[in-house]
Amino acid sequence: MEIKIEQVSRREVVVPVVAGPGARVRPDSVRVTIEGPASVVSSLPVVSARIQADTLAPGKYDLAPVFKLPSDIRVVEVEPGTVEVHIR
């Protein structure tokens, strides 16, 4: 049996936040720190963030972005933690 140990790496990126048609997001990007195996973190091409606003009624909301990442990558920190979303 062979055990392979891989170094854990952290990376900080600025990510645009997308909310879909009819929605305006402020700020339009967040700073996110991710952590995971060094080989995965270093080869991750793009981190994306989305606001789940499809089923919301018109109005103003403070919502946390949702990130689409490989299962072995975790979000360590998001700044700001929520964004203001205006739905028309």
PDB file of N, CA and C in Angstrom:
ATOM      1  N   MET A   1       0.845  -1.176   0.000  1.00  0.00           N
ATOM      2  CA  MET A   1       0.000   0.000   0.000  1.00  0.00           C
ATOM      3  C   MET A   1       0.887   1.234   0.000  1.00  0.00           C
ATOM      4  N   GLU A   2       0.572   2.138  -0.908  1.00  0.00           N
ATOM      5  CA  GLU A   2       1.342   3.374  -1.023  1.00  0.00           C
ATOM      6  C   GLU A   2       0.463   4.539  -0.593  1.00  0.00           C
ATOM      7  N   ILE A   3       1.003   5.380   0.268  1.00  0.00           N
ATOM      8  CA  ILE A   3       0.286   6.566   0.723  1.00  0.00           C
ATOM      9  C   ILE A   3       0.964   7.779   0.122  1.00  0.00           C
ATOM     10  N   LYS A   4       0.172   8.585  -0.553  1.00  0.00           N
ATOM     11  CA  LYS A   4       0.702   9.793  -1.173  1.00  0.00           C
ATOM     12  C   LYS A   4       0.198  10.999  -0.394  1.00  0.00           C
ATOM     13  N   ILE A   5       1.122  11.841   0.015  1.00  0.00           N
ATOM     14  CA  ILE A   5       0.765  13.053   0.748  1.00  0.00           C
ATOM     15  C   ILE A   5       0.980  14.236  -0.180  1.00  0.00           C
ATOM     16  N   GLU A   6      -0.064  15.040  -0.329  1.00  0.00           N
ATOM     17  CA  GLU A   6       0.036  16.204  -1.194  1.00  0.00           C
ATOM     18  C   GLU A   6      -0.120  17.460  -0.357  1.00  0.00           C
ATOM     19  N   GLN A   7       0.691  18.432  -0.678  1.00  0.00           N
ATOM     20  CA  GLN A   7       0.667  19.705   0.046  1.00  0.00           C
ATOM     21  C   GLN A   7      -0.650  20.436  -0.206  1.00  0.00           C
ATOM     22  N   VAL A   8      -1.157  21.086   0.834  1.00  0.00           N
ATOM     23  CA  VAL A   8      -2.362  21.904   0.725  1.00  0.00           C
ATOM     24  C   VAL A   8      -1.930  23.312   0.353  1.00  0.00           C
ATOM     25  N   SER A   9      -2.688  23.926  -0.526  1.00  0.00           N
ATOM     26  CA  SER A   9      -2.367  25.264  -1.002  1.00  0.00           C
ATOM     27  C   SER A   9      -3.577  26.171  -0.845  1.00  0.00           C
ATOM     28  N   ARG A  10      -3.298  27.459  -0.669  1.00  0.00           N
ATOM     29  CA  ARG A  10      -4.353  28.479  -0.631  1.00  0.00           C
ATOM     30  C   ARG A  10      -4.123  29.452  -1.768  1.00  0.00           C
ATOM     31  N   ARG A  11      -5.229  29.982  -2.273  1.00  0.00           N
ATOM     32  CA  ARG A  11      -5.136  30.970  -3.351  1.00  0.00           C
ATOM     33  C   ARG A  11      -6.258  31.973  -3.154  1.00  0.00           C
ATOM     34  N   GLU A  12      -5.941  33.240  -3.342  1.00  0.00           N
ATOM     35  CA  GLU A  12      -6.932  34.305  -3.230  1.00  0.00           C
ATOM     36  C   GLU A  12      -7.200  34.853  -4.626  1.00  0.00           C
ATOM     37  N   VAL A  13      -8.477  34.956  -4.984  1.00  0.00           N
ATOM     38  CA  VAL A  13      -8.851  35.463  -6.302  1.00  0.00           C
ATOM     39  C   VAL A  13     -10.029  36.425  -6.170  1.00  0.00           C
ATOM     40  N   VAL A  14     -10.122  37.348  -7.118  1.00  0.00           N
ATOM     41  CA  VAL A  14     -11.275  38.235  -7.208  1.00  0.00           C
ATOM     42  C   VAL A  14     -12.202  37.615  -8.237  1.00  0.00           C
ATOM     43  N   VAL A  15     -13.453  37.410  -7.845  1.00  0.00           N
ATOM     44  CA  VAL A  15     -14.413  36.667  -8.657  1.00  0.00           C
ATOM     45  C   VAL A  15     -15.602  37.560  -9.000  1.00  0.00           C
ATOM     46  N   PRO A  16     -15.954  37.665 -10.294  1.00  0.00           N
ATOM     47  CA  PRO A  16     -17.177  38.400 -10.631  1.00  0.00           C
ATOM     48  C   PRO A  16     -18.405  37.625 -10.152  1.00  0.00           C
ATOM     49  N   VAL A  17     -19.430  38.348  -9.722  1.00  0.00           N
ATOM     50  CA  VAL A  17     -20.670  37.726  -9.249  1.00  0.00           C
ATOM     51  C   VAL A  17     -21.751  37.931 -10.301  1.00  0.00           C
ATOM     52  N   VAL A  18     -22.395  36.840 -10.719  1.00  0.00           N
ATOM     53  CA  VAL A  18     -23.432  36.875 -11.752  1.00  0.00           C
ATOM     54  C   VAL A  18     -24.776  36.549 -11.105  1.00  0.00           C
ATOM     55  N   ALA A  19     -25.800  37.331 -11.441  1.00  0.00           N
ATOM     56  CA  ALA A  19     -27.120  37.105 -10.853  1.00  0.00           C
ATOM     57  C   ALA A  19     -28.194  36.813 -11.884  1.00  0.00           C
ATOM     58  N   GLY A  20     -27.914  36.945 -13.152  1.00  0.00           N
ATOM     59  CA  GLY A  20     -28.905  36.654 -14.177  1.00  0.00           C
ATOM     60  C   GLY A  20     -29.659  37.888 -14.630  1.00  0.00           C
ATOM     61  N   PRO A  21     -30.536  37.704 -15.640  1.00  0.00           N
ATOM     62  CA  PRO A  21     -31.268  38.841 -16.200  1.00  0.00           C
ATOM     63  C   PRO A  21     -32.242  39.450 -15.187  1.00  0.00           C
ATOM     64  N   GLY A  22     -32.365  40.773 -15.259  1.00  0.00           N
ATOM     65  CA  GLY A  22     -33.292  41.460 -14.375  1.00  0.00           C
ATOM     66  C   GLY A  22     -32.761  41.720 -12.988  1.00  0.00           C
ATOM     67  N   ALA A  23     -31.501  41.367 -12.737  1.00  0.00           N
ATOM     68  CA  ALA A  23     -30.914  41.573 -11.412  1.00  0.00           C
ATOM     69  C   ALA A  23     -29.649  42.417 -11.526  1.00  0.00           C
ATOM     70  N   ARG A  24     -29.465  43.294 -10.549  1.00  0.00           N
ATOM     71  CA  ARG A  24     -28.253  44.109 -10.464  1.00  0.00           C
ATOM     72  C   ARG A  24     -27.564  43.776  -9.141  1.00  0.00           C
ATOM     73  N   VAL A  25     -26.257  43.553  -9.186  1.00  0.00           N
ATOM     74  CA  VAL A  25     -25.491  43.130  -8.014  1.00  0.00           C
ATOM     75  C   VAL A  25     -24.466  44.197  -7.650  1.00  0.00           C
ATOM     76  N   ARG A  26     -24.386  44.496  -6.332  1.00  0.00           N
ATOM     77  CA  ARG A  26     -23.367  45.437  -5.833  1.00  0.00           C
ATOM     78  C   ARG A  26     -22.761  44.892  -4.567  1.00  0.00           C
ATOM     79  N   PRO A  27     -21.489  44.773  -4.421  1.00  0.00           N
ATOM     80  CA  PRO A  27     -20.512  44.946  -5.480  1.00  0.00           C
ATOM     81  C   PRO A  27     -20.631  43.816  -6.501  1.00  0.00           C
ATOM     82  N   ASP A  28     -20.055  44.036  -7.672  1.00  0.00           N
ATOM     83  CA  ASP A  28     -20.178  43.039  -8.728  1.00  0.00           C
ATOM     84  C   ASP A  28     -19.071  41.986  -8.701  1.00  0.00           C
ATOM     85  N   SER A  29     -18.234  42.027  -7.658  1.00  0.00           N
ATOM     86  CA  SER A  29     -17.210  40.993  -7.486  1.00  0.00           C
ATOM     87  C   SER A  29     -16.922  40.817  -5.991  1.00  0.00           C
ATOM     88  N   VAL A  30     -16.373  39.653  -5.649  1.00  0.00           N
ATOM     89  CA  VAL A  30     -15.967  39.360  -4.274  1.00  0.00           C
ATOM     90  C   VAL A  30     -14.555  38.783  -4.296  1.00  0.00           C
ATOM     91  N   ARG A  31     -13.876  38.916  -3.173  1.00  0.00           N
ATOM     92  CA  ARG A  31     -12.543  38.323  -3.012  1.00  0.00           C
ATOM     93  C   ARG A  31     -12.744  37.015  -2.259  1.00  0.00           C
ATOM     94  N   VAL A  32     -12.285  35.914  -2.833  1.00  0.00           N
ATOM     95  CA  VAL A  32     -12.478  34.601  -2.217  1.00  0.00           C
ATOM     96  C   VAL A  32     -11.125  33.909  -2.044  1.00  0.00           C
ATOM     97  N   THR A  33     -10.958  33.294  -0.877  1.00  0.00           N
ATOM     98  CA  THR A  33      -9.771  32.485  -0.612  1.00  0.00           C
ATOM     99  C   THR A  33     -10.210  31.034  -0.644  1.00  0.00           C
ATOM    100  N   ILE A  34      -9.531  30.246  -1.486  1.00  0.00           N
ATOM    101  CA  ILE A  34      -9.845  28.826  -1.603  1.00  0.00           C
ATOM    102  C   ILE A  34      -8.659  28.006  -1.118  1.00  0.00           C
ATOM    103  N   GLU A  35      -8.935  26.753  -0.749  1.00  0.00           N
ATOM    104  CA  GLU A  35      -7.903  25.877  -0.216  1.00  0.00           C
ATOM    105  C   GLU A  35      -8.164  24.464  -0.717  1.00  0.00           C
ATOM    106  N   GLY A  36      -7.072  23.750  -0.987  1.00  0.00           N
ATOM    107  CA  GLY A  36      -7.189  22.363  -1.430  1.00  0.00           C
ATOM    108  C   GLY A  36      -5.845  21.825  -1.846  1.00  0.00           C
ATOM    109  N   PRO A  37      -5.816  20.643  -2.461  1.00  0.00           N
ATOM    110  CA  PRO A  37      -4.554  20.066  -2.918  1.00  0.00           C
ATOM    111  C   PRO A  37      -3.841  21.040  -3.865  1.00  0.00           C
ATOM    112  N   ALA A  38      -2.552  21.203  -3.673  1.00  0.00           N
ATOM    113  CA  ALA A  38      -1.780  22.177  -4.451  1.00  0.00           C
ATOM    114  C   ALA A  38      -1.935  21.970  -5.951  1.00  0.00           C
ATOM    115  N   SER A  39      -1.965  20.729  -6.396  1.00  0.00           N
ATOM    116  CA  SER A  39      -2.071  20.472  -7.839  1.00  0.00           C
ATOM    117  C   SER A  39      -3.417  20.928  -8.394  1.00  0.00           C
ATOM    118  N   VAL A  40      -4.468  20.840  -7.612  1.00  0.00           N
ATOM    119  CA  VAL A  40      -5.801  21.269  -8.058  1.00  0.00           C
ATOM    120  C   VAL A  40      -5.925  22.784  -7.978  1.00  0.00           C
ATOM    121  N   VAL A  41      -5.485  23.367  -6.874  1.00  0.00           N
ATOM    122  CA  VAL A  41      -5.587  24.825  -6.689  1.00  0.00           C
ATOM    123  C   VAL A  41      -4.798  25.557  -7.774  1.00  0.00           C
ATOM    124  N   SER A  42      -3.599  25.088  -8.078  1.00  0.00           N
ATOM    125  CA  SER A  42      -2.768  25.781  -9.065  1.00  0.00           C
ATOM    126  C   SER A  42      -3.289  25.622 -10.488  1.00  0.00           C
ATOM    127  N   SER A  43      -4.028  24.561 -10.770  1.00  0.00           N
ATOM    128  CA  SER A  43      -4.518  24.353 -12.138  1.00  0.00           C
ATOM    129  C   SER A  43      -5.962  24.780 -12.332  1.00  0.00           C
ATOM    130  N   LEU A  44      -6.599  25.306 -11.291  1.00  0.00           N
ATOM    131  CA  LEU A  44      -7.986  25.732 -11.389  1.00  0.00           C
ATOM    132  C   LEU A  44      -8.053  26.961 -12.287  1.00  0.00           C
ATOM    133  N   PRO A  45      -8.704  26.856 -13.465  1.00  0.00           N
ATOM    134  CA  PRO A  45      -8.660  27.969 -14.414  1.00  0.00           C
ATOM    135  C   PRO A  45      -9.480  29.174 -13.968  1.00  0.00           C
ATOM    136  N   VAL A  46     -10.723  28.955 -13.567  1.00  0.00           N
ATOM    137  CA  VAL A  46     -11.618  30.063 -13.235  1.00  0.00           C
ATOM    138  C   VAL A  46     -12.505  29.656 -12.065  1.00  0.00           C
ATOM    139  N   VAL A  47     -12.686  30.581 -11.156  1.00  0.00           N
ATOM    140  CA  VAL A  47     -13.646  30.389 -10.070  1.00  0.00           C
ATOM    141  C   VAL A  47     -14.850  31.243 -10.419  1.00  0.00           C
ATOM    142  N   SER A  48     -16.041  30.663 -10.338  1.00  0.00           N
ATOM    143  CA  SER A  48     -17.229  31.439 -10.669  1.00  0.00           C
ATOM    144  C   SER A  48     -18.149  31.551  -9.456  1.00  0.00           C
ATOM    145  N   ALA A  49     -18.845  32.673  -9.382  1.00  0.00           N
ATOM    146  CA  ALA A  49     -19.799  32.905  -8.290  1.00  0.00           C
ATOM    147  C   ALA A  49     -21.135  33.299  -8.895  1.00  0.00           C
ATOM    148  N   ARG A  50     -22.194  32.782  -8.316  1.00  0.00           N
ATOM    149  CA  ARG A  50     -23.538  33.059  -8.815  1.00  0.00           C
ATOM    150  C   ARG A  50     -24.453  33.357  -7.637  1.00  0.00           C
ATOM    151  N   ILE A  51     -25.402  34.220  -7.878  1.00  0.00           N
ATOM    152  CA  ILE A  51     -26.443  34.516  -6.906  1.00  0.00           C
ATOM    153  C   ILE A  51     -27.697  33.775  -7.353  1.00  0.00           C
ATOM    154  N   GLN A  52     -28.287  33.007  -6.453  1.00  0.00           N
ATOM    155  CA  GLN A  52     -29.517  32.282  -6.758  1.00  0.00           C
ATOM    156  C   GLN A  52     -30.686  33.244  -6.606  1.00  0.00           C
ATOM    157  N   ALA A  53     -31.003  33.979  -7.683  1.00  0.00           N
ATOM    158  CA  ALA A  53     -32.049  34.994  -7.618  1.00  0.00           C
ATOM    159  C   ALA A  53     -33.203  34.690  -8.560  1.00  0.00           C
ATOM    160  N   ASP A  54     -33.180  33.550  -9.209  1.00  0.00           N
ATOM    161  CA  ASP A  54     -34.173  33.218 -10.240  1.00  0.00           C
ATOM    162  C   ASP A  54     -35.612  33.203  -9.725  1.00  0.00           C
ATOM    163  N   THR A  55     -35.826  32.806  -8.495  1.00  0.00           N
ATOM    164  CA  THR A  55     -37.191  32.649  -7.984  1.00  0.00           C
ATOM    165  C   THR A  55     -37.604  33.766  -7.024  1.00  0.00           C
ATOM    166  N   LEU A  56     -36.795  34.806  -6.936  1.00  0.00           N
ATOM    167  CA  LEU A  56     -37.103  35.890  -5.997  1.00  0.00           C
ATOM    168  C   LEU A  56     -38.044  36.926  -6.610  1.00  0.00           C
ATOM    169  N   ALA A  57     -38.893  37.486  -5.793  1.00  0.00           N
ATOM    170  CA  ALA A  57     -39.798  38.563  -6.207  1.00  0.00           C
ATOM    171  C   ALA A  57     -38.990  39.848  -6.352  1.00  0.00           C
ATOM    172  N   PRO A  58     -39.505  40.832  -7.098  1.00  0.00           N
ATOM    173  CA  PRO A  58     -38.814  42.111  -7.202  1.00  0.00           C
ATOM    174  C   PRO A  58     -38.555  42.696  -5.812  1.00  0.00           C
ATOM    175  N   GLY A  59     -37.395  43.311  -5.667  1.00  0.00           N
ATOM    176  CA  GLY A  59     -37.027  43.914  -4.391  1.00  0.00           C
ATOM    177  C   GLY A  59     -35.524  43.936  -4.204  1.00  0.00           C
ATOM    178  N   LYS A  60     -35.105  44.237  -2.988  1.00  0.00           N
ATOM    179  CA  LYS A  60     -33.689  44.335  -2.632  1.00  0.00           C
ATOM    180  C   LYS A  60     -33.362  43.239  -1.628  1.00  0.00           C
ATOM    181  N   TYR A  61     -32.261  42.532  -1.859  1.00  0.00           N
ATOM    182  CA  TYR A  61     -31.857  41.411  -1.004  1.00  0.00           C
ATOM    183  C   TYR A  61     -30.357  41.482  -0.725  1.00  0.00           C
ATOM    184  N   ASP A  62     -29.948  40.991   0.431  1.00  0.00           N
ATOM    185  CA  ASP A  62     -28.541  40.757   0.740  1.00  0.00           C
ATOM    186  C   ASP A  62     -28.346  39.248   0.702  1.00  0.00           C
ATOM    187  N   LEU A  63     -27.563  38.774  -0.280  1.00  0.00           N
ATOM    188  CA  LEU A  63     -27.411  37.339  -0.505  1.00  0.00           C
ATOM    189  C   LEU A  63     -25.947  36.943  -0.563  1.00  0.00           C
ATOM    190  N   ALA A  64     -25.676  35.727  -0.159  1.00  0.00           N
ATOM    191  CA  ALA A  64     -24.318  35.175  -0.225  1.00  0.00           C
ATOM    192  C   ALA A  64     -24.109  34.513  -1.590  1.00  0.00           C
ATOM    193  N   PRO A  65     -22.966  34.778  -2.233  1.00  0.00           N
ATOM    194  CA  PRO A  65     -22.694  34.127  -3.503  1.00  0.00           C
ATOM    195  C   PRO A  65     -22.471  32.625  -3.321  1.00  0.00           C
ATOM    196  N   VAL A  66     -22.798  31.859  -4.364  1.00  0.00           N
ATOM    197  CA  VAL A  66     -22.598  30.417  -4.381  1.00  0.00           C
ATOM    198  C   VAL A  66     -21.474  30.142  -5.370  1.00  0.00           C
ATOM    199  N   PHE A  67     -20.499  29.334  -4.966  1.00  0.00           N
ATOM    200  CA  PHE A  67     -19.335  29.065  -5.799  1.00  0.00           C
ATOM    201  C   PHE A  67     -19.405  27.658  -6.374  1.00  0.00           C
ATOM    202  N   LYS A  68     -19.014  27.528  -7.637  1.00  0.00           N
ATOM    203  CA  LYS A  68     -18.943  26.221  -8.274  1.00  0.00           C
ATOM    204  C   LYS A  68     -17.470  25.810  -8.295  1.00  0.00           C
ATOM    205  N   LEU A  69     -17.134  24.819  -7.461  1.00  0.00           N
ATOM    206  CA  LEU A  69     -15.746  24.383  -7.301  1.00  0.00           C
ATOM    207  C   LEU A  69     -15.674  22.862  -7.294  1.00  0.00           C
ATOM    208  N   PRO A  70     -14.507  22.313  -7.626  1.00  0.00           N
ATOM    209  CA  PRO A  70     -14.330  20.866  -7.481  1.00  0.00           C
ATOM    210  C   PRO A  70     -14.543  20.456  -6.024  1.00  0.00           C
ATOM    211  N   SER A  71     -14.932  19.209  -5.793  1.00  0.00           N
ATOM    212  CA  SER A  71     -15.275  18.745  -4.440  1.00  0.00           C
ATOM    213  C   SER A  71     -14.106  18.784  -3.459  1.00  0.00           C
ATOM    214  N   ASP A  72     -12.866  18.736  -3.956  1.00  0.00           N
ATOM    215  CA  ASP A  72     -11.721  18.757  -3.040  1.00  0.00           C
ATOM    216  C   ASP A  72     -11.189  20.165  -2.774  1.00  0.00           C
ATOM    217  N   ILE A  73     -11.913  21.176  -3.238  1.00  0.00           N
ATOM    218  CA  ILE A  73     -11.555  22.575  -2.972  1.00  0.00           C
ATOM    219  C   ILE A  73     -12.606  23.153  -2.031  1.00  0.00           C
ATOM    220  N   ARG A  74     -12.155  23.884  -1.028  1.00  0.00           N
ATOM    221  CA  ARG A  74     -13.111  24.504  -0.114  1.00  0.00           C
ATOM    222  C   ARG A  74     -12.871  26.006  -0.049  1.00  0.00           C
ATOM    223  N   VAL A  75     -13.951  26.721   0.227  1.00  0.00           N
ATOM    224  CA  VAL A  75     -13.885  28.171   0.396  1.00  0.00           C
ATOM    225  C   VAL A  75     -13.492  28.449   1.832  1.00  0.00           C
ATOM    226  N   VAL A  76     -12.419  29.219   2.013  1.00  0.00           N
ATOM    227  CA  VAL A  76     -11.929  29.565   3.347  1.00  0.00           C
ATOM    228  C   VAL A  76     -12.525  30.892   3.806  1.00  0.00           C
ATOM    229  N   GLU A  77     -12.591  31.853   2.877  1.00  0.00           N
ATOM    230  CA  GLU A  77     -13.084  33.184   3.245  1.00  0.00           C
ATOM    231  C   GLU A  77     -13.652  33.876   2.012  1.00  0.00           C
ATOM    232  N   VAL A  78     -14.693  34.673   2.218  1.00  0.00           N
ATOM    233  CA  VAL A  78     -15.286  35.492   1.159  1.00  0.00           C
ATOM    234  C   VAL A  78     -15.456  36.901   1.704  1.00  0.00           C
ATOM    235  N   GLU A  79     -15.000  37.888   0.940  1.00  0.00           N
ATOM    236  CA  GLU A  79     -15.110  39.280   1.373  1.00  0.00           C
ATOM    237  C   GLU A  79     -15.647  40.124   0.233  1.00  0.00           C
ATOM    238  N   PRO A  80     -16.774  40.762   0.321  1.00  0.00           N
ATOM    239  CA  PRO A  80     -17.723  40.669   1.413  1.00  0.00           C
ATOM    240  C   PRO A  80     -18.484  39.344   1.368  1.00  0.00           C
ATOM    241  N   GLY A  81     -19.050  38.959   2.494  1.00  0.00           N
ATOM    242  CA  GLY A  81     -19.764  37.689   2.599  1.00  0.00           C
ATOM    243  C   GLY A  81     -21.111  37.684   1.900  1.00  0.00           C
ATOM    244  N   THR A  82     -21.711  38.878   1.747  1.00  0.00           N
ATOM    245  CA  THR A  82     -22.967  38.998   1.006  1.00  0.00           C
ATOM    246  C   THR A  82     -22.865  40.164   0.040  1.00  0.00           C
ATOM    247  N   VAL A  83     -23.712  40.139  -0.981  1.00  0.00           N
ATOM    248  CA  VAL A  83     -23.797  41.246  -1.931  1.00  0.00           C
ATOM    249  C   VAL A  83     -25.248  41.719  -1.964  1.00  0.00           C
ATOM    250  N   GLU A  84     -25.421  42.966  -2.338  1.00  0.00           N
ATOM    251  CA  GLU A  84     -26.768  43.531  -2.444  1.00  0.00           C
ATOM    252  C   GLU A  84     -27.296  43.248  -3.850  1.00  0.00           C
ATOM    253  N   VAL A  85     -28.480  42.653  -3.914  1.00  0.00           N
ATOM    254  CA  VAL A  85     -29.081  42.299  -5.195  1.00  0.00           C
ATOM    255  C   VAL A  85     -30.408  43.035  -5.341  1.00  0.00           C
ATOM    256  N   HIS A  86     -30.554  43.749  -6.446  1.00  0.00           N
ATOM    257  CA  HIS A  86     -31.814  44.445  -6.779  1.00  0.00           C
ATOM    258  C   HIS A  86     -32.460  43.665  -7.909  1.00  0.00           C
ATOM    259  N   ILE A  87     -33.680  43.192  -7.683  1.00  0.00           N
ATOM    260  CA  ILE A  87     -34.436  42.471  -8.705  1.00  0.00           C
ATOM    261  C   ILE A  87     -35.532  43.398  -9.216  1.00  0.00           C
ATOM    262  N   ARG A  88     -35.606  43.551 -10.524  1.00  0.00           N
ATOM    263  CA  ARG A  88     -36.658  44.403 -11.121  1.00  0.00           C
ATOM    264  C   ARG A  88     -37.859  43.591 -11.486  1.00  0.00           C
TER     265      ARG A  88
END
